[in-house]
Amino acid sequence: AEICTFVKGFGVKFPIMSKVDVQGTNQHPVYTYLMAQPGCDGLIRWNFATKFIVSKDGKTVTRCNGSTADCLPIVEEMLKA
């Protein structure tokens, strides 16, 4: 509930996961998988700023640490494939 209240100010309209650890000894398995992909490792400074973009087939993962606008060209390119 606390997370949902926080993100309302950002205009979030997508499903929100429960609060999980994104790194460390209690890292959620989703983040363990994502960060094990080539080029996707490294410290997650803030999970709202770090985006993992997964291809339609679920096999290609790209990490984008910029704004949503910075990540848009990556998404557009992946949609062409």
PDB file of N, CA and C in Angstrom:
ATOM      1  N   ALA A   1       0.821  -1.194   0.000  1.00  0.00           N
ATOM      2  CA  ALA A   1       0.000   0.000   0.000  1.00  0.00           C
ATOM      3  C   ALA A   1       0.865   1.259   0.000  1.00  0.00           C
ATOM      4  N   GLU A   2       1.963   1.227   0.747  1.00  0.00           N
ATOM      5  CA  GLU A   2       2.860   2.380   0.816  1.00  0.00           C
ATOM      6  C   GLU A   2       3.455   2.702  -0.555  1.00  0.00           C
ATOM      7  N   ILE A   3       3.826   1.669  -1.304  1.00  0.00           N
ATOM      8  CA  ILE A   3       4.410   1.878  -2.634  1.00  0.00           C
ATOM      9  C   ILE A   3       3.360   2.456  -3.579  1.00  0.00           C
ATOM     10  N   CYS A   4       2.153   1.906  -3.550  1.00  0.00           N
ATOM     11  CA  CYS A   4       1.081   2.404  -4.426  1.00  0.00           C
ATOM     12  C   CYS A   4       0.792   3.872  -4.158  1.00  0.00           C
ATOM     13  N   THR A   5       0.788   4.271  -2.911  1.00  0.00           N
ATOM     14  CA  THR A   5       0.577   5.675  -2.560  1.00  0.00           C
ATOM     15  C   THR A   5       1.708   6.535  -3.106  1.00  0.00           C
ATOM     16  N   PHE A   6       2.937   6.064  -2.966  1.00  0.00           N
ATOM     17  CA  PHE A   6       4.105   6.809  -3.434  1.00  0.00           C
ATOM     18  C   PHE A   6       4.072   7.013  -4.950  1.00  0.00           C
ATOM     19  N   VAL A   7       3.777   5.978  -5.720  1.00  0.00           N
ATOM     20  CA  VAL A   7       3.860   6.075  -7.178  1.00  0.00           C
ATOM     21  C   VAL A   7       2.684   6.815  -7.807  1.00  0.00           C
ATOM     22  N   LYS A   8       1.597   7.015  -7.077  1.00  0.00           N
ATOM     23  CA  LYS A   8       0.470   7.774  -7.627  1.00  0.00           C
ATOM     24  C   LYS A   8       0.903   9.151  -8.102  1.00  0.00           C
ATOM     25  N   GLY A   9       1.849   9.758  -7.398  1.00  0.00           N
ATOM     26  CA  GLY A   9       2.351  11.079  -7.769  1.00  0.00           C
ATOM     27  C   GLY A   9       3.114  11.086  -9.081  1.00  0.00           C
ATOM     28  N   PHE A  10       3.495   9.908  -9.571  1.00  0.00           N
ATOM     29  CA  PHE A  10       4.217   9.794 -10.829  1.00  0.00           C
ATOM     30  C   PHE A  10       3.300   9.395 -11.974  1.00  0.00           C
ATOM     31  N   GLY A  11       2.027   9.256 -11.727  1.00  0.00           N
ATOM     32  CA  GLY A  11       1.070   8.904 -12.774  1.00  0.00           C
ATOM     33  C   GLY A  11       1.161   7.453 -13.216  1.00  0.00           C
ATOM     34  N   VAL A  12       1.623   6.567 -12.351  1.00  0.00           N
ATOM     35  CA  VAL A  12       1.790   5.156 -12.697  1.00  0.00           C
ATOM     36  C   VAL A  12       0.433   4.507 -12.920  1.00  0.00           C
ATOM     37  N   LYS A  13       0.311   3.791 -14.059  1.00  0.00           N
ATOM     38  CA  LYS A  13      -0.951   3.141 -14.397  1.00  0.00           C
ATOM     39  C   LYS A  13      -0.759   1.666 -14.712  1.00  0.00           C
ATOM     40  N   PHE A  14       0.395   1.109 -14.346  1.00  0.00           N
ATOM     41  CA  PHE A  14       0.671  -0.304 -14.604  1.00  0.00           C
ATOM     42  C   PHE A  14       0.686  -1.060 -13.282  1.00  0.00           C
ATOM     43  N   PRO A  15       0.567  -2.387 -13.345  1.00  0.00           N
ATOM     44  CA  PRO A  15       0.567  -3.175 -12.109  1.00  0.00           C
ATOM     45  C   PRO A  15       1.882  -2.989 -11.337  1.00  0.00           C
ATOM     46  N   ILE A  16       1.781  -2.908 -10.034  1.00  0.00           N
ATOM     47  CA  ILE A  16       2.928  -2.708  -9.161  1.00  0.00           C
ATOM     48  C   ILE A  16       3.192  -4.015  -8.400  1.00  0.00           C
ATOM     49  N   MET A  17       4.469  -4.433  -8.407  1.00  0.00           N
ATOM     50  CA  MET A  17       4.863  -5.614  -7.638  1.00  0.00           C
ATOM     51  C   MET A  17       4.937  -5.261  -6.159  1.00  0.00           C
ATOM     52  N   SER A  18       4.955  -6.274  -5.340  1.00  0.00           N
ATOM     53  CA  SER A  18       5.212  -6.076  -3.914  1.00  0.00           C
ATOM     54  C   SER A  18       6.625  -5.560  -3.743  1.00  0.00           C
ATOM     55  N   LYS A  19       6.899  -4.957  -2.614  1.00  0.00           N
ATOM     56  CA  LYS A  19       8.236  -4.485  -2.320  1.00  0.00           C
ATOM     57  C   LYS A  19       9.159  -5.689  -2.168  1.00  0.00           C
ATOM     58  N   VAL A  20      10.257  -5.689  -2.926  1.00  0.00           N
ATOM     59  CA  VAL A  20      11.229  -6.780  -2.881  1.00  0.00           C
ATOM     60  C   VAL A  20      12.634  -6.195  -2.862  1.00  0.00           C
ATOM     61  N   ASP A  21      13.599  -7.008  -2.469  1.00  0.00           N
ATOM     62  CA  ASP A  21      15.001  -6.597  -2.529  1.00  0.00           C
ATOM     63  C   ASP A  21      15.487  -6.782  -3.959  1.00  0.00           C
ATOM     64  N   VAL A  22      16.103  -5.741  -4.501  1.00  0.00           N
ATOM     65  CA  VAL A  22      16.598  -5.806  -5.875  1.00  0.00           C
ATOM     66  C   VAL A  22      18.067  -6.198  -5.935  1.00  0.00           C
ATOM     67  N   GLN A  23      18.733  -6.243  -4.800  1.00  0.00           N
ATOM     68  CA  GLN A  23      20.108  -6.713  -4.729  1.00  0.00           C
ATOM     69  C   GLN A  23      20.405  -7.186  -3.316  1.00  0.00           C
ATOM     70  N   GLY A  24      21.549  -7.808  -3.134  1.00  0.00           N
ATOM     71  CA  GLY A  24      21.924  -8.297  -1.813  1.00  0.00           C
ATOM     72  C   GLY A  24      21.531  -9.747  -1.590  1.00  0.00           C
ATOM     73  N   THR A  25      21.678 -10.210  -0.356  1.00  0.00           N
ATOM     74  CA  THR A  25      21.450 -11.622  -0.042  1.00  0.00           C
ATOM     75  C   THR A  25      19.989 -12.047  -0.166  1.00  0.00           C
ATOM     76  N   ASN A  26      19.059 -11.108  -0.064  1.00  0.00           N
ATOM     77  CA  ASN A  26      17.634 -11.426  -0.213  1.00  0.00           C
ATOM     78  C   ASN A  26      17.077 -10.995  -1.565  1.00  0.00           C
ATOM     79  N   GLN A  27      17.959 -10.856  -2.551  1.00  0.00           N
ATOM     80  CA  GLN A  27      17.547 -10.398  -3.884  1.00  0.00           C
ATOM     81  C   GLN A  27      16.443 -11.296  -4.443  1.00  0.00           C
ATOM     82  N   HIS A  28      15.405 -10.668  -4.970  1.00  0.00           N
ATOM     83  CA  HIS A  28      14.295 -11.395  -5.583  1.00  0.00           C
ATOM     84  C   HIS A  28      14.802 -12.147  -6.808  1.00  0.00           C
ATOM     85  N   PRO A  29      14.314 -13.376  -7.057  1.00  0.00           N
ATOM     86  CA  PRO A  29      14.788 -14.168  -8.195  1.00  0.00           C
ATOM     87  C   PRO A  29      14.652 -13.477  -9.559  1.00  0.00           C
ATOM     88  N   VAL A  30      13.651 -12.636  -9.721  1.00  0.00           N
ATOM     89  CA  VAL A  30      13.510 -11.910 -10.992  1.00  0.00           C
ATOM     90  C   VAL A  30      14.743 -11.042 -11.237  1.00  0.00           C
ATOM     91  N   TYR A  31      15.186 -10.339 -10.211  1.00  0.00           N
ATOM     92  CA  TYR A  31      16.360  -9.475 -10.363  1.00  0.00           C
ATOM     93  C   TYR A  31      17.639 -10.292 -10.480  1.00  0.00           C
ATOM     94  N   THR A  32      17.697 -11.438  -9.825  1.00  0.00           N
ATOM     95  CA  THR A  32      18.853 -12.321  -9.976  1.00  0.00           C
ATOM     96  C   THR A  32      18.991 -12.728 -11.434  1.00  0.00           C
ATOM     97  N   TYR A  33      17.874 -13.123 -12.057  1.00  0.00           N
ATOM     98  CA  TYR A  33      17.885 -13.510 -13.472  1.00  0.00           C
ATOM     99  C   TYR A  33      18.262 -12.335 -14.359  1.00  0.00           C
ATOM    100  N   LEU A  34      17.576 -11.212 -14.179  1.00  0.00           N
ATOM    101  CA  LEU A  34      17.820 -10.056 -15.049  1.00  0.00           C
ATOM    102  C   LEU A  34      19.269  -9.588 -14.974  1.00  0.00           C
ATOM    103  N   MET A  35      19.805  -9.521 -13.787  1.00  0.00           N
ATOM    104  CA  MET A  35      21.159  -9.007 -13.620  1.00  0.00           C
ATOM    105  C   MET A  35      22.227 -10.009 -14.053  1.00  0.00           C
ATOM    106  N   ALA A  36      21.843 -11.266 -14.275  1.00  0.00           N
ATOM    107  CA  ALA A  36      22.782 -12.275 -14.768  1.00  0.00           C
ATOM    108  C   ALA A  36      22.926 -12.223 -16.285  1.00  0.00           C
ATOM    109  N   GLN A  37      22.083 -11.438 -16.955  1.00  0.00           N
ATOM    110  CA  GLN A  37      22.143 -11.355 -18.410  1.00  0.00           C
ATOM    111  C   GLN A  37      23.314 -10.462 -18.833  1.00  0.00           C
ATOM    112  N   PRO A  38      23.928 -10.764 -19.986  1.00  0.00           N
ATOM    113  CA  PRO A  38      25.074  -9.968 -20.449  1.00  0.00           C
ATOM    114  C   PRO A  38      24.752  -8.474 -20.521  1.00  0.00           C
ATOM    115  N   GLY A  39      25.595  -7.663 -19.923  1.00  0.00           N
ATOM    116  CA  GLY A  39      25.422  -6.216 -19.951  1.00  0.00           C
ATOM    117  C   GLY A  39      24.401  -5.662 -18.978  1.00  0.00           C
ATOM    118  N   CYS A  40      23.850  -6.513 -18.133  1.00  0.00           N
ATOM    119  CA  CYS A  40      22.799  -6.068 -17.220  1.00  0.00           C
ATOM    120  C   CYS A  40      23.226  -6.074 -15.761  1.00  0.00           C
ATOM    121  N   ASP A  41      24.489  -6.315 -15.508  1.00  0.00           N
ATOM    122  CA  ASP A  41      24.944  -6.372 -14.129  1.00  0.00           C
ATOM    123  C   ASP A  41      25.254  -4.979 -13.603  1.00  0.00           C
ATOM    124  N   GLY A  42      25.682  -4.898 -12.368  1.00  0.00           N
ATOM    125  CA  GLY A  42      26.031  -3.615 -11.760  1.00  0.00           C
ATOM    126  C   GLY A  42      25.004  -3.176 -10.743  1.00  0.00           C
ATOM    127  N   LEU A  43      25.394  -2.244  -9.939  1.00  0.00           N
ATOM    128  CA  LEU A  43      24.563  -1.734  -8.857  1.00  0.00           C
ATOM    129  C   LEU A  43      23.280  -1.078  -9.373  1.00  0.00           C
ATOM    130  N   ILE A  44      22.171  -1.417  -8.754  1.00  0.00           N
ATOM    131  CA  ILE A  44      20.907  -0.730  -9.026  1.00  0.00           C
ATOM    132  C   ILE A  44      20.813   0.379  -7.998  1.00  0.00           C
ATOM    133  N   ARG A  45      20.968   1.608  -8.444  1.00  0.00           N
ATOM    134  CA  ARG A  45      20.958   2.739  -7.518  1.00  0.00           C
ATOM    135  C   ARG A  45      19.551   3.028  -7.009  1.00  0.00           C
ATOM    136  N   TRP A  46      18.570   2.940  -7.891  1.00  0.00           N
ATOM    137  CA  TRP A  46      17.171   3.157  -7.520  1.00  0.00           C
ATOM    138  C   TRP A  46      16.325   2.361  -8.489  1.00  0.00           C
ATOM    139  N   ASN A  47      15.524   1.434  -7.996  1.00  0.00           N
ATOM    140  CA  ASN A  47      14.806   0.529  -8.885  1.00  0.00           C
ATOM    141  C   ASN A  47      13.774   1.230  -9.775  1.00  0.00           C
ATOM    142  N   PHE A  48      13.355   2.449  -9.444  1.00  0.00           N
ATOM    143  CA  PHE A  48      12.432   3.166 -10.334  1.00  0.00           C
ATOM    144  C   PHE A  48      13.182   3.781 -11.511  1.00  0.00           C
ATOM    145  N   ALA A  49      14.484   3.960 -11.381  1.00  0.00           N
ATOM    146  CA  ALA A  49      15.275   4.551 -12.463  1.00  0.00           C
ATOM    147  C   ALA A  49      15.912   3.487 -13.353  1.00  0.00           C
ATOM    148  N   THR A  50      16.083   2.288 -12.838  1.00  0.00           N
ATOM    149  CA  THR A  50      16.684   1.206 -13.622  1.00  0.00           C
ATOM    150  C   THR A  50      15.572   0.406 -14.272  1.00  0.00           C
ATOM    151  N   LYS A  51      15.693   0.245 -15.597  1.00  0.00           N
ATOM    152  CA  LYS A  51      14.687  -0.501 -16.335  1.00  0.00           C
ATOM    153  C   LYS A  51      15.352  -1.677 -17.032  1.00  0.00           C
ATOM    154  N   PHE A  52      14.708  -2.821 -16.990  1.00  0.00           N
ATOM    155  CA  PHE A  52      15.151  -3.988 -17.740  1.00  0.00           C
ATOM    156  C   PHE A  52      14.115  -4.203 -18.831  1.00  0.00           C
ATOM    157  N   ILE A  53      14.555  -4.185 -20.062  1.00  0.00           N
ATOM    158  CA  ILE A  53      13.654  -4.317 -21.205  1.00  0.00           C
ATOM    159  C   ILE A  53      13.832  -5.724 -21.769  1.00  0.00           C
ATOM    160  N   VAL A  54      12.744  -6.477 -21.822  1.00  0.00           N
ATOM    161  CA  VAL A  54      12.782  -7.870 -22.257  1.00  0.00           C
ATOM    162  C   VAL A  54      12.091  -7.985 -23.607  1.00  0.00           C
ATOM    163  N   SER A  55      12.716  -8.730 -24.535  1.00  0.00           N
ATOM    164  CA  SER A  55      12.159  -8.894 -25.876  1.00  0.00           C
ATOM    165  C   SER A  55      10.873  -9.710 -25.842  1.00  0.00           C
ATOM    166  N   LYS A  56      10.163  -9.692 -26.959  1.00  0.00           N
ATOM    167  CA  LYS A  56       8.900 -10.415 -27.058  1.00  0.00           C
ATOM    168  C   LYS A  56       9.060 -11.900 -26.772  1.00  0.00           C
ATOM    169  N   ASP A  57      10.202 -12.456 -27.171  1.00  0.00           N
ATOM    170  CA  ASP A  57      10.426 -13.888 -26.946  1.00  0.00           C
ATOM    171  C   ASP A  57      10.968 -14.182 -25.544  1.00  0.00           C
ATOM    172  N   GLY A  58      11.209 -13.138 -24.769  1.00  0.00           N
ATOM    173  CA  GLY A  58      11.663 -13.304 -23.398  1.00  0.00           C
ATOM    174  C   GLY A  58      13.116 -13.687 -23.260  1.00  0.00           C
ATOM    175  N   LYS A  59      13.853 -13.655 -24.346  1.00  0.00           N
ATOM    176  CA  LYS A  59      15.242 -14.116 -24.298  1.00  0.00           C
ATOM    177  C   LYS A  59      16.251 -12.979 -24.242  1.00  0.00           C
ATOM    178  N   THR A  60      15.970 -11.878 -24.866  1.00  0.00           N
ATOM    179  CA  THR A  60      16.911 -10.765 -24.899  1.00  0.00           C
ATOM    180  C   THR A  60      16.537  -9.752 -23.827  1.00  0.00           C
ATOM    181  N   VAL A  61      17.506  -9.431 -23.015  1.00  0.00           N
ATOM    182  CA  VAL A  61      17.288  -8.462 -21.952  1.00  0.00           C
ATOM    183  C   VAL A  61      18.289  -7.329 -22.122  1.00  0.00           C
ATOM    184  N   THR A  62      17.801  -6.108 -22.028  1.00  0.00           N
ATOM    185  CA  THR A  62      18.645  -4.927 -22.099  1.00  0.00           C
ATOM    186  C   THR A  62      18.372  -4.100 -20.855  1.00  0.00           C
ATOM    187  N   ARG A  63      19.415  -3.493 -20.339  1.00  0.00           N
ATOM    188  CA  ARG A  63      19.264  -2.635 -19.159  1.00  0.00           C
ATOM    189  C   ARG A  63      19.380  -1.186 -19.589  1.00  0.00           C
ATOM    190  N   CYS A  64      18.477  -0.359 -19.087  1.00  0.00           N
ATOM    191  CA  CYS A  64      18.500   1.075 -19.374  1.00  0.00           C
ATOM    192  C   CYS A  64      18.424   1.809 -18.043  1.00  0.00           C
ATOM    193  N   ASN A  65      19.418   2.639 -17.776  1.00  0.00           N
ATOM    194  CA  ASN A  65      19.458   3.361 -16.510  1.00  0.00           C
ATOM    195  C   ASN A  65      19.004   4.810 -16.643  1.00  0.00           C
ATOM    196  N   GLY A  66      18.574   5.204 -17.818  1.00  0.00           N
ATOM    197  CA  GLY A  66      18.155   6.583 -18.024  1.00  0.00           C
ATOM    198  C   GLY A  66      16.671   6.774 -17.772  1.00  0.00           C
ATOM    199  N   SER A  67      16.196   7.899 -18.244  1.00  0.00           N
ATOM    200  CA  SER A  67      14.765   8.191 -18.127  1.00  0.00           C
ATOM    201  C   SER A  67      13.991   7.299 -19.092  1.00  0.00           C
ATOM    202  N   THR A  68      12.683   7.283 -18.955  1.00  0.00           N
ATOM    203  CA  THR A  68      11.854   6.527 -19.882  1.00  0.00           C
ATOM    204  C   THR A  68      12.093   6.998 -21.310  1.00  0.00           C
ATOM    205  N   ALA A  69      12.234   8.303 -21.500  1.00  0.00           N
ATOM    206  CA  ALA A  69      12.498   8.848 -22.834  1.00  0.00           C
ATOM    207  C   ALA A  69      13.831   8.335 -23.383  1.00  0.00           C
ATOM    208  N   ASP A  70      14.838   8.181 -22.521  1.00  0.00           N
ATOM    209  CA  ASP A  70      16.129   7.648 -22.949  1.00  0.00           C
ATOM    210  C   ASP A  70      16.007   6.195 -23.411  1.00  0.00           C
ATOM    211  N   CYS A  71      15.092   5.462 -22.811  1.00  0.00           N
ATOM    212  CA  CYS A  71      14.922   4.047 -23.123  1.00  0.00           C
ATOM    213  C   CYS A  71      14.032   3.807 -24.334  1.00  0.00           C
ATOM    214  N   LEU A  72      13.250   4.780 -24.723  1.00  0.00           N
ATOM    215  CA  LEU A  72      12.296   4.621 -25.816  1.00  0.00           C
ATOM    216  C   LEU A  72      12.937   4.133 -27.115  1.00  0.00           C
ATOM    217  N   PRO A  73      14.091   4.649 -27.554  1.00  0.00           N
ATOM    218  CA  PRO A  73      14.688   4.133 -28.782  1.00  0.00           C
ATOM    219  C   PRO A  73      15.027   2.638 -28.699  1.00  0.00           C
ATOM    220  N   ILE A  74      15.411   2.171 -27.535  1.00  0.00           N
ATOM    221  CA  ILE A  74      15.709   0.748 -27.355  1.00  0.00           C
ATOM    222  C   ILE A  74      14.440  -0.075 -27.536  1.00  0.00           C
ATOM    223  N   VAL A  75      13.356   0.367 -26.928  1.00  0.00           N
ATOM    224  CA  VAL A  75      12.074  -0.331 -27.039  1.00  0.00           C
ATOM    225  C   VAL A  75      11.600  -0.317 -28.493  1.00  0.00           C
ATOM    226  N   GLU A  76      11.667   0.824 -29.142  1.00  0.00           N
ATOM    227  CA  GLU A  76      11.228   0.914 -30.541  1.00  0.00           C
ATOM    228  C   GLU A  76      12.020  -0.020 -31.429  1.00  0.00           C
ATOM    229  N   GLU A  77      13.321  -0.121 -31.221  1.00  0.00           N
ATOM    230  CA  GLU A  77      14.160  -1.013 -32.014  1.00  0.00           C
ATOM    231  C   GLU A  77      13.799  -2.466 -31.771  1.00  0.00           C
ATOM    232  N   MET A  78      13.541  -2.819 -30.515  1.00  0.00           N
ATOM    233  CA  MET A  78      13.164  -4.191 -30.196  1.00  0.00           C
ATOM    234  C   MET A  78      11.800  -4.548 -30.789  1.00  0.00           C
ATOM    235  N   LEU A  79      10.891  -3.592 -30.871  1.00  0.00           N
ATOM    236  CA  LEU A  79       9.565  -3.867 -31.458  1.00  0.00           C
ATOM    237  C   LEU A  79       9.645  -4.127 -32.957  1.00  0.00           C
ATOM    238  N   LYS A  80      10.653  -3.577 -33.610  1.00  0.00           N
ATOM    239  CA  LYS A  80      10.851  -3.811 -35.043  1.00  0.00           C
ATOM    240  C   LYS A  80      11.303  -5.239 -35.328  1.00  0.00           C
ATOM    241  N   ALA A  81      11.986  -5.850 -34.369  1.00  0.00           N
ATOM    242  CA  ALA A  81      12.566  -7.185 -34.572  1.00  0.00           C
ATOM    243  C   ALA A  81      11.498  -8.264 -34.609  1.00  0.00           C
TER     244      ALA A  81
END
